[in-house]
Amino acid sequence: MKTYSLTPTQMGIYLSETAAEGQGDYNINLVYYLDKEVDTERLVRALRQAVKRHPYIQSRLRQTEDGEIVLTDGSEEEVAVETATANSREEVLQRTGKAFDLLNDRLYRLVIYTLPNGTRMLNIDFHHIVCDGMSTRNFHEEVSQAYAGKYSERNSKLFNFKIIFFL
């Protein structure tokens, strides 16, 4: 398994997050309403393809025998995309932003929620150790392109997301 030393910034984020006892301060949380026309199975495939195109998202933190915190290559793991139900928009928002268990969890969460009225929402949570604002934007574009069945057109608006929550 490949391992990589943390950058000084990543180590600072790790130390700050552990000192805050898992408050989720370094989570990048996005919640989207999905258009009724969005095919859930196709979206799941697009999310998986986008993660595979950005293998750093699947990195995991581990502590070595000598105590060093390192990133390990998790690109051989299956991409986790969950589907769940929620009773309300507020419940979805309450479920977002939960702190990651840095040494045990994946550093991303992808969940498609269905509400009782049929509304669907997509929650994307990344930990800042593996993602920042620019890579989040790039991920959004990759999902759009994967959903549309193409990767060649940058800045395509082929998959219409409506951001409702950004923390």
N, C-alpha and C. Protein backbone atom coordinates (compact mmCIF):
# COMPACT_ATOMS: atom_id res chain seq x y z
N MET A 1 0.84 -1.17 0.00
CA MET A 1 0.00 0.00 0.00
C MET A 1 0.89 1.25 0.00
N LYS A 2 0.62 2.16 -0.93
CA LYS A 2 1.40 3.39 -1.01
C LYS A 2 1.02 4.31 0.15
N THR A 3 2.03 4.94 0.73
CA THR A 3 1.78 5.94 1.76
C THR A 3 2.49 7.23 1.38
N TYR A 4 1.94 8.33 1.86
CA TYR A 4 2.47 9.65 1.55
C TYR A 4 2.52 10.46 2.84
N SER A 5 3.61 11.16 3.02
CA SER A 5 3.70 12.06 4.18
C SER A 5 2.72 13.20 4.00
N LEU A 6 2.19 13.68 5.11
CA LEU A 6 1.30 14.83 5.06
C LEU A 6 2.11 16.09 4.77
N THR A 7 1.52 17.01 4.04
CA THR A 7 2.13 18.32 3.87
C THR A 7 2.03 19.05 5.21
N PRO A 8 2.82 20.09 5.40
CA PRO A 8 2.67 20.86 6.65
C PRO A 8 1.24 21.39 6.84
N THR A 9 0.58 21.79 5.78
CA THR A 9 -0.80 22.27 5.89
C THR A 9 -1.72 21.14 6.33
N GLN A 10 -1.58 19.97 5.71
CA GLN A 10 -2.41 18.83 6.09
C GLN A 10 -2.17 18.44 7.55
N MET A 11 -0.92 18.46 7.97
CA MET A 11 -0.62 18.12 9.37
C MET A 11 -1.24 19.16 10.31
N GLY A 12 -1.19 20.42 9.93
CA GLY A 12 -1.82 21.45 10.75
C GLY A 12 -3.32 21.25 10.86
N ILE A 13 -3.96 20.88 9.76
CA ILE A 13 -5.39 20.60 9.77
C ILE A 13 -5.68 19.40 10.67
N TYR A 14 -4.88 18.36 10.52
CA TYR A 14 -5.07 17.16 11.35
C TYR A 14 -4.94 17.50 12.83
N LEU A 15 -3.90 18.22 13.20
CA LEU A 15 -3.69 18.56 14.62
C LEU A 15 -4.80 19.46 15.15
N SER A 16 -5.21 20.42 14.34
CA SER A 16 -6.28 21.32 14.75
C SER A 16 -7.59 20.57 14.93
N GLU A 17 -7.89 19.67 14.01
CA GLU A 17 -9.13 18.89 14.07
C GLU A 17 -9.12 17.97 15.29
N THR A 18 -8.01 17.31 15.56
CA THR A 18 -7.97 16.41 16.72
C THR A 18 -8.01 17.20 18.02
N ALA A 19 -7.43 18.38 18.05
CA ALA A 19 -7.48 19.22 19.26
C ALA A 19 -8.91 19.70 19.52
N ALA A 20 -9.68 19.89 18.45
CA ALA A 20 -11.07 20.35 18.59
C ALA A 20 -12.00 19.18 18.90
N GLU A 21 -11.42 17.99 19.07
CA GLU A 21 -12.18 16.78 19.42
C GLU A 21 -13.32 16.50 18.45
N GLY A 22 -12.99 16.57 17.16
CA GLY A 22 -13.94 16.13 16.16
C GLY A 22 -15.17 17.00 15.98
N GLN A 23 -14.99 18.30 15.91
CA GLN A 23 -16.12 19.20 15.71
C GLN A 23 -16.52 19.33 14.24
N GLY A 24 -15.71 18.80 13.34
CA GLY A 24 -16.04 18.91 11.92
C GLY A 24 -15.71 20.26 11.33
N ASP A 25 -14.81 20.99 11.98
CA ASP A 25 -14.46 22.33 11.52
C ASP A 25 -13.84 22.35 10.13
N TYR A 26 -13.26 21.25 9.72
CA TYR A 26 -12.59 21.20 8.42
C TYR A 26 -13.36 20.39 7.39
N ASN A 27 -14.64 20.24 7.60
CA ASN A 27 -15.48 19.57 6.60
C ASN A 27 -15.91 20.59 5.55
N ILE A 28 -15.95 20.13 4.33
CA ILE A 28 -16.53 20.91 3.23
C ILE A 28 -17.83 20.20 2.90
N ASN A 29 -18.94 20.86 3.21
CA ASN A 29 -20.26 20.24 3.08
C ASN A 29 -21.08 20.94 2.02
N LEU A 30 -21.61 20.16 1.12
CA LEU A 30 -22.48 20.68 0.07
C LEU A 30 -23.76 19.86 0.05
N VAL A 31 -24.89 20.54 -0.06
CA VAL A 31 -26.17 19.86 -0.19
C VAL A 31 -26.87 20.45 -1.41
N TYR A 32 -27.36 19.58 -2.28
CA TYR A 32 -28.00 20.00 -3.51
C TYR A 32 -29.41 19.43 -3.58
N TYR A 33 -30.34 20.21 -4.11
CA TYR A 33 -31.62 19.65 -4.55
C TYR A 33 -31.37 19.02 -5.91
N LEU A 34 -31.97 17.89 -6.17
CA LEU A 34 -31.83 17.26 -7.48
C LEU A 34 -33.09 17.49 -8.29
N ASP A 35 -32.91 17.80 -9.56
CA ASP A 35 -34.06 17.93 -10.46
C ASP A 35 -34.80 16.60 -10.52
N LYS A 36 -36.09 16.66 -10.76
CA LYS A 36 -36.90 15.43 -10.83
C LYS A 36 -36.43 14.50 -11.94
N GLU A 37 -35.84 15.06 -13.00
CA GLU A 37 -35.40 14.26 -14.13
C GLU A 37 -34.11 13.49 -13.85
N VAL A 38 -33.42 13.80 -12.78
CA VAL A 38 -32.13 13.16 -12.49
C VAL A 38 -32.36 11.68 -12.19
N ASP A 39 -31.65 10.84 -12.92
CA ASP A 39 -31.70 9.39 -12.75
C ASP A 39 -30.73 9.01 -11.62
N THR A 40 -31.26 8.47 -10.53
CA THR A 40 -30.43 8.18 -9.36
C THR A 40 -29.31 7.20 -9.67
N GLU A 41 -29.60 6.13 -10.40
CA GLU A 41 -28.56 5.15 -10.73
C GLU A 41 -27.47 5.78 -11.58
N ARG A 42 -27.86 6.60 -12.51
CA ARG A 42 -26.88 7.28 -13.36
C ARG A 42 -26.04 8.25 -12.52
N LEU A 43 -26.68 8.93 -11.57
CA LEU A 43 -25.94 9.84 -10.69
C LEU A 43 -24.95 9.07 -9.83
N VAL A 44 -25.35 7.93 -9.30
CA VAL A 44 -24.43 7.10 -8.50
C VAL A 44 -23.22 6.72 -9.35
N ARG A 45 -23.45 6.29 -10.58
CA ARG A 45 -22.33 5.94 -11.47
C ARG A 45 -21.44 7.15 -11.72
N ALA A 46 -22.06 8.32 -11.94
CA ALA A 46 -21.29 9.54 -12.21
C ALA A 46 -20.44 9.92 -11.00
N LEU A 47 -21.01 9.82 -9.81
CA LEU A 47 -20.25 10.13 -8.59
C LEU A 47 -19.07 9.18 -8.45
N ARG A 48 -19.30 7.90 -8.70
CA ARG A 48 -18.20 6.92 -8.60
C ARG A 48 -17.11 7.21 -9.64
N GLN A 49 -17.52 7.53 -10.86
CA GLN A 49 -16.54 7.84 -11.90
C GLN A 49 -15.72 9.07 -11.53
N ALA A 50 -16.38 10.10 -11.00
CA ALA A 50 -15.67 11.32 -10.64
C ALA A 50 -14.66 11.06 -9.52
N VAL A 51 -15.05 10.27 -8.54
CA VAL A 51 -14.10 9.93 -7.47
C VAL A 51 -12.92 9.17 -8.04
N LYS A 52 -13.18 8.22 -8.93
CA LYS A 52 -12.08 7.44 -9.52
C LYS A 52 -11.13 8.34 -10.34
N ARG A 53 -11.66 9.40 -10.92
CA ARG A 53 -10.81 10.33 -11.68
C ARG A 53 -9.99 11.22 -10.76
N HIS A 54 -10.33 11.24 -9.47
CA HIS A 54 -9.62 12.04 -8.48
C HIS A 54 -9.27 11.14 -7.30
N PRO A 55 -8.30 10.24 -7.46
CA PRO A 55 -8.04 9.23 -6.44
C PRO A 55 -7.62 9.79 -5.07
N TYR A 56 -7.17 11.04 -5.01
CA TYR A 56 -6.80 11.62 -3.72
C TYR A 56 -8.01 11.66 -2.78
N ILE A 57 -9.22 11.71 -3.34
CA ILE A 57 -10.43 11.74 -2.52
C ILE A 57 -10.53 10.47 -1.68
N GLN A 58 -10.04 9.36 -2.21
CA GLN A 58 -10.13 8.08 -1.51
C GLN A 58 -8.96 7.84 -0.55
N SER A 59 -8.07 8.81 -0.43
CA SER A 59 -6.97 8.66 0.52
C SER A 59 -7.52 8.49 1.93
N ARG A 60 -6.77 7.77 2.72
CA ARG A 60 -7.14 7.57 4.13
C ARG A 60 -5.94 7.93 5.00
N LEU A 61 -6.25 8.41 6.18
CA LEU A 61 -5.20 8.69 7.15
C LEU A 61 -4.92 7.43 7.97
N ARG A 62 -3.67 7.18 8.23
CA ARG A 62 -3.25 6.06 9.06
C ARG A 62 -2.10 6.51 9.95
N GLN A 63 -1.97 5.84 11.07
CA GLN A 63 -0.82 6.08 11.94
C GLN A 63 0.13 4.91 11.78
N THR A 64 1.39 5.20 11.46
CA THR A 64 2.38 4.14 11.29
C THR A 64 2.81 3.61 12.65
N GLU A 65 3.56 2.54 12.63
CA GLU A 65 4.05 1.94 13.87
C GLU A 65 4.90 2.91 14.68
N ASP A 66 5.59 3.82 13.99
CA ASP A 66 6.41 4.80 14.72
C ASP A 66 5.66 6.08 15.05
N GLY A 67 4.32 6.07 14.84
CA GLY A 67 3.49 7.19 15.27
C GLY A 67 3.26 8.27 14.25
N GLU A 68 3.88 8.16 13.07
CA GLU A 68 3.69 9.18 12.04
C GLU A 68 2.30 9.04 11.41
N ILE A 69 1.65 10.18 11.18
CA ILE A 69 0.36 10.19 10.48
C ILE A 69 0.65 10.36 9.00
N VAL A 70 0.13 9.43 8.19
CA VAL A 70 0.38 9.44 6.76
C VAL A 70 -0.94 9.26 6.01
N LEU A 71 -0.92 9.63 4.74
CA LEU A 71 -2.03 9.34 3.85
C LEU A 71 -1.72 8.03 3.14
N THR A 72 -2.73 7.18 3.02
CA THR A 72 -2.55 5.94 2.27
C THR A 72 -3.44 5.99 1.04
N ASP A 73 -3.02 5.28 0.03
CA ASP A 73 -3.76 5.21 -1.23
C ASP A 73 -4.97 4.30 -1.03
N GLY A 74 -6.16 4.85 -1.14
CA GLY A 74 -7.38 4.07 -1.01
C GLY A 74 -8.08 3.85 -2.33
N SER A 75 -7.36 4.09 -3.43
CA SER A 75 -8.00 4.06 -4.74
C SER A 75 -8.45 2.66 -5.17
N GLU A 76 -8.01 1.62 -4.49
CA GLU A 76 -8.46 0.27 -4.82
C GLU A 76 -9.79 -0.08 -4.14
N GLU A 77 -10.21 0.76 -3.18
CA GLU A 77 -11.48 0.52 -2.49
C GLU A 77 -12.64 0.89 -3.39
N GLU A 78 -13.77 0.24 -3.16
CA GLU A 78 -14.98 0.62 -3.87
C GLU A 78 -15.39 2.01 -3.42
N VAL A 79 -15.84 2.83 -4.35
CA VAL A 79 -16.31 4.17 -4.03
C VAL A 79 -17.65 4.05 -3.30
N ALA A 80 -17.73 4.67 -2.14
CA ALA A 80 -18.94 4.59 -1.33
C ALA A 80 -19.90 5.71 -1.70
N VAL A 81 -21.08 5.33 -2.21
CA VAL A 81 -22.17 6.26 -2.46
C VAL A 81 -23.39 5.64 -1.79
N GLU A 82 -23.95 6.35 -0.82
CA GLU A 82 -25.09 5.84 -0.08
C GLU A 82 -26.39 6.43 -0.60
N THR A 83 -27.46 5.68 -0.44
CA THR A 83 -28.79 6.22 -0.63
C THR A 83 -29.51 6.06 0.70
N ALA A 84 -30.29 7.05 1.07
CA ALA A 84 -30.97 7.03 2.36
C ALA A 84 -32.28 7.80 2.26
N THR A 85 -33.10 7.65 3.27
CA THR A 85 -34.32 8.43 3.36
C THR A 85 -34.19 9.40 4.52
N ALA A 86 -34.91 10.49 4.40
CA ALA A 86 -34.97 11.48 5.47
C ALA A 86 -36.39 12.02 5.50
N ASN A 87 -36.82 12.47 6.65
CA ASN A 87 -38.18 12.97 6.80
C ASN A 87 -38.37 14.40 6.32
N SER A 88 -37.26 15.16 6.26
CA SER A 88 -37.38 16.57 5.89
C SER A 88 -36.04 17.11 5.42
N ARG A 89 -36.11 18.27 4.78
CA ARG A 89 -34.90 19.00 4.37
C ARG A 89 -34.05 19.28 5.59
N GLU A 90 -34.68 19.68 6.69
CA GLU A 90 -33.95 20.00 7.92
C GLU A 90 -33.19 18.79 8.45
N GLU A 91 -33.81 17.62 8.34
CA GLU A 91 -33.12 16.40 8.79
C GLU A 91 -31.88 16.14 7.95
N VAL A 92 -31.98 16.35 6.64
CA VAL A 92 -30.81 16.18 5.78
C VAL A 92 -29.71 17.14 6.22
N LEU A 93 -30.07 18.40 6.44
CA LEU A 93 -29.06 19.39 6.85
C LEU A 93 -28.45 19.04 8.20
N GLN A 94 -29.23 18.45 9.10
CA GLN A 94 -28.69 18.04 10.40
C GLN A 94 -27.71 16.89 10.27
N ARG A 95 -27.90 16.05 9.27
CA ARG A 95 -27.02 14.89 9.07
C ARG A 95 -25.70 15.27 8.40
N THR A 96 -25.65 16.46 7.81
CA THR A 96 -24.42 16.87 7.12
C THR A 96 -23.41 17.41 8.11
N GLY A 97 -22.17 17.39 7.71
CA GLY A 97 -21.13 18.04 8.49
C GLY A 97 -20.68 17.30 9.73
N LYS A 98 -21.10 16.06 9.89
CA LYS A 98 -20.64 15.31 11.05
C LYS A 98 -19.13 15.10 10.94
N ALA A 99 -18.48 15.18 12.05
CA ALA A 99 -17.02 15.03 12.06
C ALA A 99 -16.62 13.66 11.54
N PHE A 100 -15.51 13.63 10.85
CA PHE A 100 -14.93 12.37 10.40
C PHE A 100 -14.07 11.80 11.52
N ASP A 101 -14.07 10.51 11.67
CA ASP A 101 -13.11 9.82 12.54
C ASP A 101 -11.85 9.69 11.67
N LEU A 102 -10.94 10.62 11.84
CA LEU A 102 -9.86 10.80 10.87
C LEU A 102 -9.02 9.56 10.62
N LEU A 103 -8.82 8.73 11.62
CA LEU A 103 -7.97 7.55 11.42
C LEU A 103 -8.76 6.30 11.05
N ASN A 104 -10.08 6.42 10.94
CA ASN A 104 -10.88 5.23 10.62
C ASN A 104 -11.85 5.44 9.46
N ASP A 105 -12.33 6.64 9.26
CA ASP A 105 -13.33 6.90 8.21
C ASP A 105 -12.68 7.20 6.87
N ARG A 106 -13.49 7.01 5.81
CA ARG A 106 -13.15 7.63 4.54
C ARG A 106 -13.19 9.12 4.80
N LEU A 107 -12.52 9.90 3.98
CA LEU A 107 -12.49 11.34 4.16
C LEU A 107 -13.48 12.04 3.22
N TYR A 108 -14.48 11.29 2.80
CA TYR A 108 -15.57 11.84 1.99
C TYR A 108 -16.84 11.07 2.33
N ARG A 109 -17.98 11.74 2.08
CA ARG A 109 -19.29 11.10 2.17
C ARG A 109 -20.14 11.57 1.00
N LEU A 110 -20.78 10.64 0.33
CA LEU A 110 -21.68 10.94 -0.78
C LEU A 110 -22.99 10.24 -0.48
N VAL A 111 -24.05 11.02 -0.24
CA VAL A 111 -25.34 10.44 0.13
C VAL A 111 -26.45 11.09 -0.68
N ILE A 112 -27.29 10.26 -1.29
CA ILE A 112 -28.48 10.74 -1.98
C ILE A 112 -29.67 10.42 -1.08
N TYR A 113 -30.36 11.47 -0.65
CA TYR A 113 -31.52 11.34 0.24
C TYR A 113 -32.81 11.46 -0.56
N THR A 114 -33.80 10.68 -0.16
CA THR A 114 -35.14 10.83 -0.70
C THR A 114 -36.06 11.21 0.45
N LEU A 115 -36.84 12.27 0.23
CA LEU A 115 -37.80 12.74 1.23
C LEU A 115 -39.16 12.13 0.94
N PRO A 116 -40.07 12.13 1.93
CA PRO A 116 -41.39 11.51 1.73
C PRO A 116 -42.16 12.06 0.53
N ASN A 117 -41.96 13.33 0.19
CA ASN A 117 -42.69 13.92 -0.95
C ASN A 117 -42.02 13.63 -2.29
N GLY A 118 -40.94 12.81 -2.27
CA GLY A 118 -40.26 12.45 -3.50
C GLY A 118 -39.08 13.34 -3.85
N THR A 119 -38.93 14.46 -3.14
CA THR A 119 -37.78 15.33 -3.36
C THR A 119 -36.51 14.54 -3.04
N ARG A 120 -35.50 14.75 -3.87
CA ARG A 120 -34.21 14.10 -3.62
C ARG A 120 -33.15 15.17 -3.43
N MET A 121 -32.24 14.87 -2.52
CA MET A 121 -31.15 15.79 -2.21
C MET A 121 -29.84 15.00 -2.21
N LEU A 122 -28.80 15.66 -2.66
CA LEU A 122 -27.47 15.06 -2.67
C LEU A 122 -26.61 15.78 -1.65
N ASN A 123 -25.99 15.02 -0.76
CA ASN A 123 -25.05 15.58 0.22
C ASN A 123 -23.66 15.09 -0.13
N ILE A 124 -22.76 16.04 -0.28
CA ILE A 124 -21.35 15.73 -0.50
C ILE A 124 -20.57 16.36 0.65
N ASP A 125 -19.86 15.54 1.40
CA ASP A 125 -18.98 16.00 2.47
C ASP A 125 -17.57 15.54 2.14
N PHE A 126 -16.64 16.48 2.16
CA PHE A 126 -15.22 16.16 2.02
C PHE A 126 -14.50 16.69 3.25
N HIS A 127 -13.45 16.00 3.66
CA HIS A 127 -12.60 16.59 4.68
C HIS A 127 -11.55 17.43 3.97
N HIS A 128 -11.22 18.55 4.57
CA HIS A 128 -10.30 19.51 3.95
C HIS A 128 -8.90 18.93 3.75
N ILE A 129 -8.55 17.87 4.42
CA ILE A 129 -7.24 17.25 4.21
C ILE A 129 -7.12 16.73 2.78
N VAL A 130 -8.24 16.32 2.17
CA VAL A 130 -8.18 15.78 0.81
C VAL A 130 -8.86 16.66 -0.24
N CYS A 131 -9.44 17.76 0.18
CA CYS A 131 -10.20 18.55 -0.78
C CYS A 131 -10.23 20.02 -0.34
N ASP A 132 -10.24 20.92 -1.31
CA ASP A 132 -10.39 22.34 -1.00
C ASP A 132 -11.45 22.92 -1.94
N GLY A 133 -11.62 24.20 -1.91
CA GLY A 133 -12.65 24.83 -2.73
C GLY A 133 -12.48 24.58 -4.22
N MET A 134 -11.27 24.67 -4.72
CA MET A 134 -11.03 24.47 -6.15
C MET A 134 -11.26 23.01 -6.54
N SER A 135 -10.78 22.08 -5.74
CA SER A 135 -11.00 20.68 -6.08
C SER A 135 -12.47 20.30 -5.95
N THR A 136 -13.20 20.97 -5.05
CA THR A 136 -14.64 20.74 -4.95
C THR A 136 -15.33 21.19 -6.23
N ARG A 137 -14.93 22.34 -6.75
CA ARG A 137 -15.50 22.83 -8.01
C ARG A 137 -15.17 21.86 -9.14
N ASN A 138 -13.93 21.40 -9.18
CA ASN A 138 -13.53 20.44 -10.22
C ASN A 138 -14.33 19.14 -10.10
N PHE A 139 -14.55 18.69 -8.87
CA PHE A 139 -15.33 17.47 -8.66
C PHE A 139 -16.75 17.66 -9.20
N HIS A 140 -17.33 18.80 -8.90
CA HIS A 140 -18.68 19.11 -9.39
C HIS A 140 -18.73 19.01 -10.92
N GLU A 141 -17.73 19.57 -11.58
CA GLU A 141 -17.68 19.51 -13.05
C GLU A 141 -17.52 18.08 -13.53
N GLU A 142 -16.69 17.30 -12.83
CA GLU A 142 -16.48 15.90 -13.23
C GLU A 142 -17.77 15.10 -13.10
N VAL A 143 -18.53 15.33 -12.04
CA VAL A 143 -19.81 14.64 -11.87
C VAL A 143 -20.75 15.03 -13.01
N SER A 144 -20.80 16.32 -13.32
CA SER A 144 -21.64 16.79 -14.42
C SER A 144 -21.28 16.10 -15.73
N GLN A 145 -20.00 16.03 -16.01
CA GLN A 145 -19.55 15.44 -17.26
C GLN A 145 -19.76 13.93 -17.27
N ALA A 146 -19.52 13.27 -16.15
CA ALA A 146 -19.74 11.82 -16.08
C ALA A 146 -21.23 11.52 -16.26
N TYR A 147 -22.08 12.31 -15.63
CA TYR A 147 -23.51 12.11 -15.76
C TYR A 147 -23.94 12.26 -17.22
N ALA A 148 -23.34 13.21 -17.91
CA ALA A 148 -23.68 13.45 -19.31
C ALA A 148 -23.01 12.46 -20.25
N GLY A 149 -22.09 11.64 -19.71
CA GLY A 149 -21.42 10.65 -20.54
C GLY A 149 -20.22 11.18 -21.29
N LYS A 150 -19.70 12.32 -20.85
CA LYS A 150 -18.51 12.86 -21.51
C LYS A 150 -17.64 13.60 -20.51
N TYR A 151 -16.36 13.64 -20.85
CA TYR A 151 -15.40 14.35 -20.01
C TYR A 151 -14.68 15.45 -20.76
N SER A 152 -14.90 15.56 -22.04
CA SER A 152 -14.08 16.46 -22.85
C SER A 152 -14.42 17.93 -22.70
N GLU A 153 -15.65 18.26 -22.36
CA GLU A 153 -16.05 19.66 -22.30
C GLU A 153 -15.91 20.20 -20.89
N ARG A 154 -15.00 21.12 -20.69
CA ARG A 154 -14.84 21.75 -19.38
C ARG A 154 -15.97 22.77 -19.20
N ASN A 155 -16.32 23.01 -17.98
CA ASN A 155 -17.33 24.00 -17.62
C ASN A 155 -18.71 23.71 -18.21
N SER A 156 -18.99 22.44 -18.50
CA SER A 156 -20.32 22.14 -19.03
C SER A 156 -21.35 22.26 -17.93
N LYS A 157 -22.54 22.62 -18.29
CA LYS A 157 -23.64 22.75 -17.35
C LYS A 157 -24.68 21.68 -17.66
N LEU A 158 -24.20 20.48 -17.91
CA LEU A 158 -25.08 19.42 -18.37
C LEU A 158 -25.90 18.79 -17.25
N PHE A 159 -25.47 18.96 -16.03
CA PHE A 159 -26.17 18.37 -14.89
C PHE A 159 -26.47 19.50 -13.93
N ASN A 160 -27.71 19.86 -13.80
CA ASN A 160 -28.09 21.05 -13.06
C ASN A 160 -28.23 20.78 -11.57
N PHE A 161 -27.26 21.27 -10.78
CA PHE A 161 -27.32 21.22 -9.34
C PHE A 161 -27.80 22.57 -8.83
N LYS A 162 -28.49 22.59 -7.75
CA LYS A 162 -28.85 23.83 -7.08
C LYS A 162 -28.33 23.73 -5.65
N ILE A 163 -27.28 24.48 -5.34
CA ILE A 163 -26.71 24.43 -4.01
C ILE A 163 -27.69 25.08 -3.03
N ILE A 164 -27.98 24.37 -1.94
CA ILE A 164 -28.85 24.96 -0.93
C ILE A 164 -28.14 25.16 0.40
N PHE A 165 -26.96 24.58 0.54
CA PHE A 165 -26.29 24.65 1.83
C PHE A 165 -24.80 24.50 1.59
N PHE A 166 -24.02 25.38 2.11
CA PHE A 166 -22.57 25.27 2.02
C PHE A 166 -22.01 25.72 3.35
N LEU A 167 -21.29 24.84 3.99
CA LEU A 167 -20.74 25.15 5.31
C LEU A 167 -19.24 25.10 5.25
